[in-house]
Amino acid sequence: MSTVIERLGVEAGTGPATTAPARLLRHPLVLGLLLPLGAAAAWELAARAGWIEARLLPPPSVVARAIVELQQSGDLARHTTATLARVAAGFALGLALATGLGALAGFSATARRLLDPTLQALRAIPSIAWVPLFVLWFGIFEASKVALIATGAFFPIYLSLVTGIQGVDRKLVEVGRVCQLGPLALIGRILIPAALPAWLTGVRGGLGLAWMFVIAAELMGASEGLGYLLVDGQMTGNAAQILAALVLFALLGQATDALLVLLTRRLVAWQDSFAKAG
């Protein structure tokens, strides 16, 4: 009997015969790195074999060298800090506005009928179309860049919160009204906690769009930032610098998303979700 149990454990990957390398390969971080590292290795080999034009598409080794040179010159910290500060400010502003208006529109049918059509129409406007107007209103300095990033972060958060509140079980709302909760208490103690998973999904989407919009923002006459590195690489024909900036955007975006998930994980720890079964 013990032999059968041990064999089943080995087949499931949880028995004593599971080796440390096998467990390591199943680690989420390692699995997540397999695809980008494999693609980078294939890219490097193709460049060294002459299958791709290394001048236009530099291999990862050249891109990594460009990042190291930026770090050694001090430009990496300066440009990265400038972009992070803009994303943080714009995302925080968009988050605050979207949460406030989303809670109002989700709770009040009158507010939803008043606000939602206009906001849904504005959501369809491409990000780059806001640039001339924001430059005219706020100038070419930080205010216009933060406003553009906030615009990008606003809509997914607002939409997710409104949808989440509208999907709250009606029985919960009735319990709150039986307990004589006022409108603000009903929103704060029942509607928003119940809509929290949907809101957090929107927050992650808003953060992702904040990183997308910061590129457009930094094309608005910025003198520092990763978007500036993109433009500078284009003007000087430095493809390695352009790719280095794109890699840095990807790494910072992934890092901030992972940090957001880590910080908000406890807020939805009560969920008995499918993901926990894995």
C-alpha atoms as a PDB file:
ATOM      1  CA  MET A   1       0.000   0.000   0.000  1.00  0.00           C
ATOM      2  CA  SER A   2       2.791   2.422   0.863  1.00  0.00           C
ATOM      3  CA  THR A   3       4.454   1.641  -2.473  1.00  0.00           C
ATOM      4  CA  VAL A   4       1.280   2.610  -4.338  1.00  0.00           C
ATOM      5  CA  ILE A   5       0.953   5.862  -2.381  1.00  0.00           C
ATOM      6  CA  GLU A   6       4.604   6.713  -3.038  1.00  0.00           C
ATOM      7  CA  ARG A   7       4.180   6.007  -6.741  1.00  0.00           C
ATOM      8  CA  LEU A   8       1.120   8.277  -6.905  1.00  0.00           C
ATOM      9  CA  GLY A   9       3.048  11.005  -5.132  1.00  0.00           C
ATOM     10  CA  VAL A  10       5.898  10.733  -7.602  1.00  0.00           C
ATOM     11  CA  GLU A  11       3.499  10.960 -10.558  1.00  0.00           C
ATOM     12  CA  ALA A  12       1.856  14.048  -9.041  1.00  0.00           C
ATOM     13  CA  GLY A  13       5.256  15.636  -8.480  1.00  0.00           C
ATOM     14  CA  THR A  14       4.863  15.819  -4.692  1.00  0.00           C
ATOM     15  CA  GLY A  15       6.461  12.560  -3.566  1.00  0.00           C
ATOM     16  CA  PRO A  16       9.887  12.008  -2.082  1.00  0.00           C
ATOM     17  CA  ALA A  17      11.398  11.218  -5.481  1.00  0.00           C
ATOM     18  CA  THR A  18      10.804  14.802  -6.650  1.00  0.00           C
ATOM     19  CA  THR A  19      14.253  16.314  -7.044  1.00  0.00           C
ATOM     20  CA  ALA A  20      15.276  19.860  -6.218  1.00  0.00           C
ATOM     21  CA  PRO A  21      15.909  20.766  -9.906  1.00  0.00           C
ATOM     22  CA  ALA A  22      12.415  19.536 -10.800  1.00  0.00           C
ATOM     23  CA  ARG A  23      10.863  21.651  -8.068  1.00  0.00           C
ATOM     24  CA  LEU A  24      12.939  24.621  -9.193  1.00  0.00           C
ATOM     25  CA  LEU A  25      11.736  24.275 -12.777  1.00  0.00           C
ATOM     26  CA  ARG A  26       8.137  24.370 -11.594  1.00  0.00           C
ATOM     27  CA  HIS A  27       8.674  27.583  -9.635  1.00  0.00           C
ATOM     28  CA  PRO A  28       6.480  30.383 -11.102  1.00  0.00           C
ATOM     29  CA  LEU A  29       9.422  32.790 -11.400  1.00  0.00           C
ATOM     30  CA  VAL A  30      11.529  30.242 -13.286  1.00  0.00           C
ATOM     31  CA  LEU A  31       8.647  29.295 -15.564  1.00  0.00           C
ATOM     32  CA  GLY A  32       7.995  32.949 -16.282  1.00  0.00           C
ATOM     33  CA  LEU A  33      11.617  33.490 -17.314  1.00  0.00           C
ATOM     34  CA  LEU A  34      11.790  30.531 -19.702  1.00  0.00           C
ATOM     35  CA  LEU A  35      10.055  32.263 -22.615  1.00  0.00           C
ATOM     36  CA  PRO A  36      11.942  35.613 -22.565  1.00  0.00           C
ATOM     37  CA  LEU A  37      15.309  33.931 -21.944  1.00  0.00           C
ATOM     38  CA  GLY A  38      14.666  31.411 -24.702  1.00  0.00           C
ATOM     39  CA  ALA A  39      13.651  34.183 -27.115  1.00  0.00           C
ATOM     40  CA  ALA A  40      16.736  36.211 -26.167  1.00  0.00           C
ATOM     41  CA  ALA A  41      19.010  33.208 -26.756  1.00  0.00           C
ATOM     42  CA  ALA A  42      17.456  32.540 -30.165  1.00  0.00           C
ATOM     43  CA  TRP A  43      17.760  36.241 -31.028  1.00  0.00           C
ATOM     44  CA  GLU A  44      21.438  36.280 -30.013  1.00  0.00           C
ATOM     45  CA  LEU A  45      22.222  33.174 -32.050  1.00  0.00           C
ATOM     46  CA  ALA A  46      20.388  34.515 -35.093  1.00  0.00           C
ATOM     47  CA  ALA A  47      22.355  37.781 -34.921  1.00  0.00           C
ATOM     48  CA  ARG A  48      25.689  35.999 -34.555  1.00  0.00           C
ATOM     49  CA  ALA A  49      24.844  33.722 -37.472  1.00  0.00           C
ATOM     50  CA  GLY A  50      24.035  36.724 -39.638  1.00  0.00           C
ATOM     51  CA  TRP A  51      20.386  35.794 -40.121  1.00  0.00           C
ATOM     52  CA  ILE A  52      19.238  39.214 -38.952  1.00  0.00           C
ATOM     53  CA  GLU A  53      20.702  42.671 -39.509  1.00  0.00           C
ATOM     54  CA  ALA A  54      22.489  43.388 -36.233  1.00  0.00           C
ATOM     55  CA  ARG A  55      22.761  47.105 -37.019  1.00  0.00           C
ATOM     56  CA  LEU A  56      18.974  47.496 -37.132  1.00  0.00           C
ATOM     57  CA  LEU A  57      18.149  44.787 -34.591  1.00  0.00           C
ATOM     58  CA  PRO A  58      21.072  44.557 -32.163  1.00  0.00           C
ATOM     59  CA  PRO A  59      21.337  41.285 -30.227  1.00  0.00           C
ATOM     60  CA  PRO A  60      20.646  41.123 -26.480  1.00  0.00           C
ATOM     61  CA  SER A  61      24.354  41.314 -25.649  1.00  0.00           C
ATOM     62  CA  VAL A  62      24.623  44.716 -27.358  1.00  0.00           C
ATOM     63  CA  VAL A  63      21.409  45.929 -25.723  1.00  0.00           C
ATOM     64  CA  ALA A  64      22.705  44.815 -22.312  1.00  0.00           C
ATOM     65  CA  ARG A  65      25.961  46.670 -22.995  1.00  0.00           C
ATOM     66  CA  ALA A  66      23.970  49.831 -23.784  1.00  0.00           C
ATOM     67  CA  ILE A  67      22.115  49.521 -20.463  1.00  0.00           C
ATOM     68  CA  VAL A  68      25.418  49.068 -18.595  1.00  0.00           C
ATOM     69  CA  GLU A  69      26.854  52.151 -20.306  1.00  0.00           C
ATOM     70  CA  LEU A  70      23.789  54.167 -19.293  1.00  0.00           C
ATOM     71  CA  GLN A  71      24.240  52.969 -15.720  1.00  0.00           C
ATOM     72  CA  GLN A  72      27.930  53.828 -15.649  1.00  0.00           C
ATOM     73  CA  SER A  73      27.307  57.331 -16.982  1.00  0.00           C
ATOM     74  CA  GLY A  74      24.550  57.977 -14.422  1.00  0.00           C
ATOM     75  CA  ASP A  75      21.929  58.480 -17.142  1.00  0.00           C
ATOM     76  CA  LEU A  76      20.083  55.273 -16.286  1.00  0.00           C
ATOM     77  CA  ALA A  77      19.161  56.381 -12.766  1.00  0.00           C
ATOM     78  CA  ARG A  78      18.233  59.887 -13.929  1.00  0.00           C
ATOM     79  CA  HIS A  79      15.957  58.797 -16.774  1.00  0.00           C
ATOM     80  CA  THR A  80      14.422  55.920 -14.816  1.00  0.00           C
ATOM     81  CA  THR A  81      13.669  58.124 -11.810  1.00  0.00           C
ATOM     82  CA  ALA A  82      12.019  60.756 -14.010  1.00  0.00           C
ATOM     83  CA  THR A  83       9.753  58.195 -15.681  1.00  0.00           C
ATOM     84  CA  LEU A  84       8.865  56.466 -12.409  1.00  0.00           C
ATOM     85  CA  ALA A  85       7.956  59.814 -10.819  1.00  0.00           C
ATOM     86  CA  ARG A  86       5.644  60.684 -13.720  1.00  0.00           C
ATOM     87  CA  VAL A  87       3.963  57.289 -13.701  1.00  0.00           C
ATOM     88  CA  ALA A  88       3.492  57.416  -9.924  1.00  0.00           C
ATOM     89  CA  ALA A  89       1.973  60.916  -9.978  1.00  0.00           C
ATOM     90  CA  GLY A  90      -0.286  60.288 -12.969  1.00  0.00           C
ATOM     91  CA  PHE A  91      -1.407  56.883 -11.735  1.00  0.00           C
ATOM     92  CA  ALA A  92      -2.200  58.211  -8.254  1.00  0.00           C
ATOM     93  CA  LEU A  93      -4.259  61.065  -9.707  1.00  0.00           C
ATOM     94  CA  GLY A  94      -6.131  58.792 -12.107  1.00  0.00           C
ATOM     95  CA  LEU A  95      -6.728  56.233  -9.346  1.00  0.00           C
ATOM     96  CA  ALA A  96      -8.202  58.817  -6.975  1.00  0.00           C
ATOM     97  CA  LEU A  97     -10.516  60.355  -9.595  1.00  0.00           C
ATOM     98  CA  ALA A  98     -11.615  57.005 -11.022  1.00  0.00           C
ATOM     99  CA  THR A  99     -12.354  55.527  -7.605  1.00  0.00           C
ATOM    100  CA  GLY A 100     -14.411  58.534  -6.528  1.00  0.00           C
ATOM    101  CA  LEU A 101     -16.432  58.858  -9.722  1.00  0.00           C
ATOM    102  CA  GLY A 102     -16.718  55.084 -10.131  1.00  0.00           C
ATOM    103  CA  ALA A 103     -18.142  54.672  -6.642  1.00  0.00           C
ATOM    104  CA  LEU A 104     -20.591  57.506  -7.261  1.00  0.00           C
ATOM    105  CA  ALA A 105     -21.725  56.221 -10.658  1.00  0.00           C
ATOM    106  CA  GLY A 106     -21.953  52.647  -9.422  1.00  0.00           C
ATOM    107  CA  PHE A 107     -24.080  53.556  -6.411  1.00  0.00           C
ATOM    108  CA  SER A 108     -26.338  56.215  -7.910  1.00  0.00           C
ATOM    109  CA  ALA A 109     -28.370  55.468 -11.034  1.00  0.00           C
ATOM    110  CA  THR A 110     -28.854  59.197 -11.574  1.00  0.00           C
ATOM    111  CA  ALA A 111     -25.113  59.896 -11.421  1.00  0.00           C
ATOM    112  CA  ARG A 112     -24.434  56.959 -13.714  1.00  0.00           C
ATOM    113  CA  ARG A 113     -26.905  58.217 -16.335  1.00  0.00           C
ATOM    114  CA  LEU A 114     -25.337  61.655 -16.069  1.00  0.00           C
ATOM    115  CA  LEU A 115     -21.649  60.705 -16.128  1.00  0.00           C
ATOM    116  CA  ASP A 116     -21.325  57.399 -17.916  1.00  0.00           C
ATOM    117  CA  PRO A 117     -22.241  58.363 -21.513  1.00  0.00           C
ATOM    118  CA  THR A 118     -19.746  61.227 -21.529  1.00  0.00           C
ATOM    119  CA  LEU A 119     -16.961  59.205 -19.910  1.00  0.00           C
ATOM    120  CA  GLN A 120     -17.510  56.264 -22.259  1.00  0.00           C
ATOM    121  CA  ALA A 121     -17.264  58.644 -25.235  1.00  0.00           C
ATOM    122  CA  LEU A 122     -14.058  60.178 -23.874  1.00  0.00           C
ATOM    123  CA  ARG A 123     -12.633  56.685 -23.342  1.00  0.00           C
ATOM    124  CA  ALA A 124     -12.698  56.115 -27.094  1.00  0.00           C
ATOM    125  CA  ILE A 125     -10.369  59.057 -27.801  1.00  0.00           C
ATOM    126  CA  PRO A 126      -6.809  57.858 -28.623  1.00  0.00           C
ATOM    127  CA  SER A 127      -4.150  58.878 -26.119  1.00  0.00           C
ATOM    128  CA  ILE A 128      -2.095  60.830 -28.634  1.00  0.00           C
ATOM    129  CA  ALA A 129      -5.134  62.970 -29.462  1.00  0.00           C
ATOM    130  CA  TRP A 130      -5.022  64.498 -25.969  1.00  0.00           C
ATOM    131  CA  VAL A 131      -1.461  65.751 -26.401  1.00  0.00           C
ATOM    132  CA  PRO A 132      -2.147  69.047 -28.264  1.00  0.00           C
ATOM    133  CA  LEU A 133      -4.925  70.000 -25.856  1.00  0.00           C
ATOM    134  CA  PHE A 134      -2.928  69.225 -22.719  1.00  0.00           C
ATOM    135  CA  VAL A 135       0.077  71.126 -24.068  1.00  0.00           C
ATOM    136  CA  LEU A 136      -2.193  74.102 -24.750  1.00  0.00           C
ATOM    137  CA  TRP A 137      -3.754  73.929 -21.276  1.00  0.00           C
ATOM    138  CA  PHE A 138      -0.782  72.965 -19.095  1.00  0.00           C
ATOM    139  CA  GLY A 139       2.299  73.750 -21.178  1.00  0.00           C
ATOM    140  CA  ILE A 140       5.059  71.317 -22.082  1.00  0.00           C
ATOM    141  CA  PHE A 141       6.283  70.702 -18.543  1.00  0.00           C
ATOM    142  CA  GLU A 142       5.309  68.125 -15.930  1.00  0.00           C
ATOM    143  CA  ALA A 143       1.638  69.078 -15.481  1.00  0.00           C
ATOM    144  CA  SER A 144       0.669  68.074 -19.027  1.00  0.00           C
ATOM    145  CA  LYS A 145       2.565  64.789 -18.757  1.00  0.00           C
ATOM    146  CA  VAL A 146       0.954  63.854 -15.440  1.00  0.00           C
ATOM    147  CA  ALA A 147      -2.491  64.785 -16.798  1.00  0.00           C
ATOM    148  CA  LEU A 148      -2.017  62.545 -19.827  1.00  0.00           C
ATOM    149  CA  ILE A 149      -0.900  59.586 -17.693  1.00  0.00           C
ATOM    150  CA  ALA A 150      -3.822  60.134 -15.311  1.00  0.00           C
ATOM    151  CA  THR A 151      -6.196  60.069 -18.285  1.00  0.00           C
ATOM    152  CA  GLY A 152      -4.870  56.694 -19.343  1.00  0.00           C
ATOM    153  CA  ALA A 153      -5.098  55.222 -15.852  1.00  0.00           C
ATOM    154  CA  PHE A 154      -8.569  56.618 -15.166  1.00  0.00           C
ATOM    155  CA  PHE A 155     -10.815  54.710 -17.553  1.00  0.00           C
ATOM    156  CA  PRO A 156     -10.093  51.030 -16.765  1.00  0.00           C
ATOM    157  CA  ILE A 157     -10.312  51.723 -13.027  1.00  0.00           C
ATOM    158  CA  TYR A 158     -13.569  53.636 -13.367  1.00  0.00           C
ATOM    159  CA  LEU A 159     -15.152  51.036 -15.646  1.00  0.00           C
ATOM    160  CA  SER A 160     -14.118  48.090 -13.467  1.00  0.00           C
ATOM    161  CA  LEU A 161     -15.396  49.716 -10.277  1.00  0.00           C
ATOM    162  CA  VAL A 162     -18.748  50.652 -11.789  1.00  0.00           C
ATOM    163  CA  THR A 163     -19.156  47.145 -13.213  1.00  0.00           C
ATOM    164  CA  GLY A 164     -18.093  45.581  -9.913  1.00  0.00           C
ATOM    165  CA  ILE A 165     -20.529  47.636  -7.850  1.00  0.00           C
ATOM    166  CA  GLN A 166     -23.359  46.913 -10.259  1.00  0.00           C
ATOM    167  CA  GLY A 167     -22.609  43.208  -9.899  1.00  0.00           C
ATOM    168  CA  VAL A 168     -22.781  43.171  -6.075  1.00  0.00           C
ATOM    169  CA  ASP A 169     -25.345  40.731  -4.680  1.00  0.00           C
ATOM    170  CA  ARG A 170     -28.554  42.632  -4.029  1.00  0.00           C
ATOM    171  CA  LYS A 171     -29.073  40.754  -0.766  1.00  0.00           C
ATOM    172  CA  LEU A 172     -25.953  42.379   0.679  1.00  0.00           C
ATOM    173  CA  VAL A 173     -27.319  45.807  -0.139  1.00  0.00           C
ATOM    174  CA  GLU A 174     -30.649  44.927   1.442  1.00  0.00           C
ATOM    175  CA  VAL A 175     -28.882  43.817   4.620  1.00  0.00           C
ATOM    176  CA  GLY A 176     -27.097  47.168   4.737  1.00  0.00           C
ATOM    177  CA  ARG A 177     -30.349  49.045   4.363  1.00  0.00           C
ATOM    178  CA  VAL A 178     -31.986  46.913   7.070  1.00  0.00           C
ATOM    179  CA  CYS A 179     -29.079  47.903   9.316  1.00  0.00           C
ATOM    180  CA  GLN A 180     -29.902  51.529   8.423  1.00  0.00           C
ATOM    181  CA  LEU A 181     -26.584  52.293   6.778  1.00  0.00           C
ATOM    182  CA  GLY A 182     -26.440  55.677   5.087  1.00  0.00           C
ATOM    183  CA  PRO A 183     -25.300  56.096   1.453  1.00  0.00           C
ATOM    184  CA  LEU A 184     -21.641  56.695   2.338  1.00  0.00           C
ATOM    185  CA  ALA A 185     -21.556  53.829   4.836  1.00  0.00           C
ATOM    186  CA  LEU A 186     -23.265  51.550   2.327  1.00  0.00           C
ATOM    187  CA  ILE A 187     -20.631  52.382  -0.282  1.00  0.00           C
ATOM    188  CA  GLY A 188     -17.692  52.102   2.107  1.00  0.00           C
ATOM    189  CA  ARG A 189     -18.752  49.009   4.087  1.00  0.00           C
ATOM    190  CA  ILE A 190     -20.620  46.894   1.538  1.00  0.00           C
ATOM    191  CA  LEU A 191     -20.380  47.990  -2.102  1.00  0.00           C
ATOM    192  CA  ILE A 192     -16.661  48.747  -2.394  1.00  0.00           C
ATOM    193  CA  PRO A 193     -15.482  45.676  -0.380  1.00  0.00           C
ATOM    194  CA  ALA A 194     -17.744  43.419  -2.461  1.00  0.00           C
ATOM    195  CA  ALA A 195     -16.542  45.065  -5.671  1.00  0.00           C
ATOM    196  CA  LEU A 196     -12.899  44.979  -4.546  1.00  0.00           C
ATOM    197  CA  PRO A 197     -11.739  42.127  -6.845  1.00  0.00           C
ATOM    198  CA  ALA A 198     -13.144  43.904  -9.915  1.00  0.00           C
ATOM    199  CA  TRP A 199     -11.654  47.213  -8.753  1.00  0.00           C
ATOM    200  CA  LEU A 200      -8.200  45.672  -8.274  1.00  0.00           C
ATOM    201  CA  THR A 201      -8.366  44.218 -11.775  1.00  0.00           C
ATOM    202  CA  GLY A 202      -9.081  47.709 -13.044  1.00  0.00           C
ATOM    203  CA  VAL A 203      -6.239  49.125 -10.969  1.00  0.00           C
ATOM    204  CA  ARG A 204      -3.797  46.704 -12.597  1.00  0.00           C
ATOM    205  CA  GLY A 205      -5.142  47.655 -16.009  1.00  0.00           C
ATOM    206  CA  GLY A 206      -4.844  51.334 -15.139  1.00  0.00           C
ATOM    207  CA  LEU A 207      -1.224  50.875 -14.075  1.00  0.00           C
ATOM    208  CA  GLY A 208      -0.468  49.138 -17.366  1.00  0.00           C
ATOM    209  CA  LEU A 209      -2.022  51.991 -19.330  1.00  0.00           C
ATOM    210  CA  ALA A 210      -0.118  54.507 -17.216  1.00  0.00           C
ATOM    211  CA  TRP A 211       3.094  52.934 -18.506  1.00  0.00           C
ATOM    212  CA  MET A 212       1.785  53.110 -22.066  1.00  0.00           C
ATOM    213  CA  PHE A 213       0.711  56.727 -21.745  1.00  0.00           C
ATOM    214  CA  VAL A 214       4.006  57.825 -20.208  1.00  0.00           C
ATOM    215  CA  ILE A 215       5.682  57.164 -23.552  1.00  0.00           C
ATOM    216  CA  ALA A 216       3.302  59.571 -25.282  1.00  0.00           C
ATOM    217  CA  ALA A 217       3.751  61.997 -22.373  1.00  0.00           C
ATOM    218  CA  GLU A 218       7.531  61.955 -22.677  1.00  0.00           C
ATOM    219  CA  LEU A 219       7.324  62.698 -26.371  1.00  0.00           C
ATOM    220  CA  MET A 220       5.920  66.102 -25.351  1.00  0.00           C
ATOM    221  CA  GLY A 221       9.251  67.876 -25.171  1.00  0.00           C
ATOM    222  CA  ALA A 222      10.760  65.898 -22.285  1.00  0.00           C
ATOM    223  CA  SER A 223      14.463  66.351 -21.586  1.00  0.00           C
ATOM    224  CA  GLU A 224      14.728  63.237 -19.428  1.00  0.00           C
ATOM    225  CA  GLY A 225      12.959  59.927 -19.030  1.00  0.00           C
ATOM    226  CA  LEU A 226      12.910  56.618 -20.860  1.00  0.00           C
ATOM    227  CA  GLY A 227      10.705  58.138 -23.559  1.00  0.00           C
ATOM    228  CA  TYR A 228      13.422  60.726 -24.127  1.00  0.00           C
ATOM    229  CA  LEU A 229      15.909  57.875 -24.611  1.00  0.00           C
ATOM    230  CA  LEU A 230      13.642  56.466 -27.321  1.00  0.00           C
ATOM    231  CA  VAL A 231      13.557  59.777 -29.193  1.00  0.00           C
ATOM    232  CA  ASP A 232      17.267  60.362 -28.700  1.00  0.00           C
ATOM    233  CA  GLY A 233      18.036  56.874 -30.012  1.00  0.00           C
ATOM    234  CA  GLN A 234      15.880  57.529 -33.075  1.00  0.00           C
ATOM    235  CA  MET A 235      17.546  60.875 -33.791  1.00  0.00           C
ATOM    236  CA  THR A 236      21.046  59.408 -33.470  1.00  0.00           C
ATOM    237  CA  GLY A 237      20.256  56.113 -35.201  1.00  0.00           C
ATOM    238  CA  ASN A 238      21.160  54.179 -32.064  1.00  0.00           C
ATOM    239  CA  ALA A 239      18.972  51.065 -32.262  1.00  0.00           C
ATOM    240  CA  ALA A 240      20.598  49.546 -29.169  1.00  0.00           C
ATOM    241  CA  GLN A 241      19.528  52.539 -27.073  1.00  0.00           C
ATOM    242  CA  ILE A 242      15.961  52.305 -28.395  1.00  0.00           C
ATOM    243  CA  LEU A 243      15.768  48.611 -27.519  1.00  0.00           C
ATOM    244  CA  ALA A 244      17.382  49.270 -24.142  1.00  0.00           C
ATOM    245  CA  ALA A 245      14.656  51.807 -23.353  1.00  0.00           C
ATOM    246  CA  LEU A 246      11.970  49.324 -24.416  1.00  0.00           C
ATOM    247  CA  VAL A 247      13.495  46.611 -22.223  1.00  0.00           C
ATOM    248  CA  LEU A 248      13.592  49.012 -19.283  1.00  0.00           C
ATOM    249  CA  PHE A 249       9.946  49.931 -19.857  1.00  0.00           C
ATOM    250  CA  ALA A 250       9.042  46.233 -19.831  1.00  0.00           C
ATOM    251  CA  LEU A 251      11.055  45.465 -16.699  1.00  0.00           C
ATOM    252  CA  LEU A 252       9.751  48.450 -14.752  1.00  0.00           C
ATOM    253  CA  GLY A 253       6.181  47.788 -15.830  1.00  0.00           C
ATOM    254  CA  GLN A 254       6.415  44.160 -14.753  1.00  0.00           C
ATOM    255  CA  ALA A 255       8.097  45.086 -11.470  1.00  0.00           C
ATOM    256  CA  THR A 256       5.462  47.674 -10.542  1.00  0.00           C
ATOM    257  CA  ASP A 257       2.638  45.294 -11.478  1.00  0.00           C
ATOM    258  CA  ALA A 258       4.150  42.548  -9.314  1.00  0.00           C
ATOM    259  CA  LEU A 259       4.556  45.023  -6.445  1.00  0.00           C
ATOM    260  CA  LEU A 260       0.927  46.092  -6.792  1.00  0.00           C
ATOM    261  CA  VAL A 261      -0.250  42.479  -6.689  1.00  0.00           C
ATOM    262  CA  LEU A 262       1.908  41.829  -3.627  1.00  0.00           C
ATOM    263  CA  LEU A 263       0.610  44.887  -1.771  1.00  0.00           C
ATOM    264  CA  THR A 264      -3.061  44.174  -2.525  1.00  0.00           C
ATOM    265  CA  ARG A 265      -3.025  40.398  -2.087  1.00  0.00           C
ATOM    266  CA  ARG A 266      -4.256  40.575   1.498  1.00  0.00           C
ATOM    267  CA  LEU A 267      -7.250  42.679   0.473  1.00  0.00           C
ATOM    268  CA  VAL A 268      -8.737  39.707  -1.369  1.00  0.00           C
ATOM    269  CA  ALA A 269      -7.318  36.940   0.830  1.00  0.00           C
ATOM    270  CA  TRP A 270     -10.890  36.027   1.803  1.00  0.00           C
ATOM    271  CA  GLN A 271     -11.635  34.823  -1.732  1.00  0.00           C
ATOM    272  CA  ASP A 272     -11.864  31.054  -2.159  1.00  0.00           C
ATOM    273  CA  SER A 273     -10.871  31.314  -5.807  1.00  0.00           C
ATOM    274  CA  PHE A 274      -9.872  28.839  -8.472  1.00  0.00           C
ATOM    275  CA  ALA A 275      -6.334  30.208  -8.472  1.00  0.00           C
ATOM    276  CA  LYS A 276      -5.806  28.954  -4.906  1.00  0.00           C
ATOM    277  CA  ALA A 277      -6.651  25.423  -6.009  1.00  0.00           C
ATOM    278  CA  GLY A 278      -3.509  25.416  -8.139  1.00  0.00           C
END
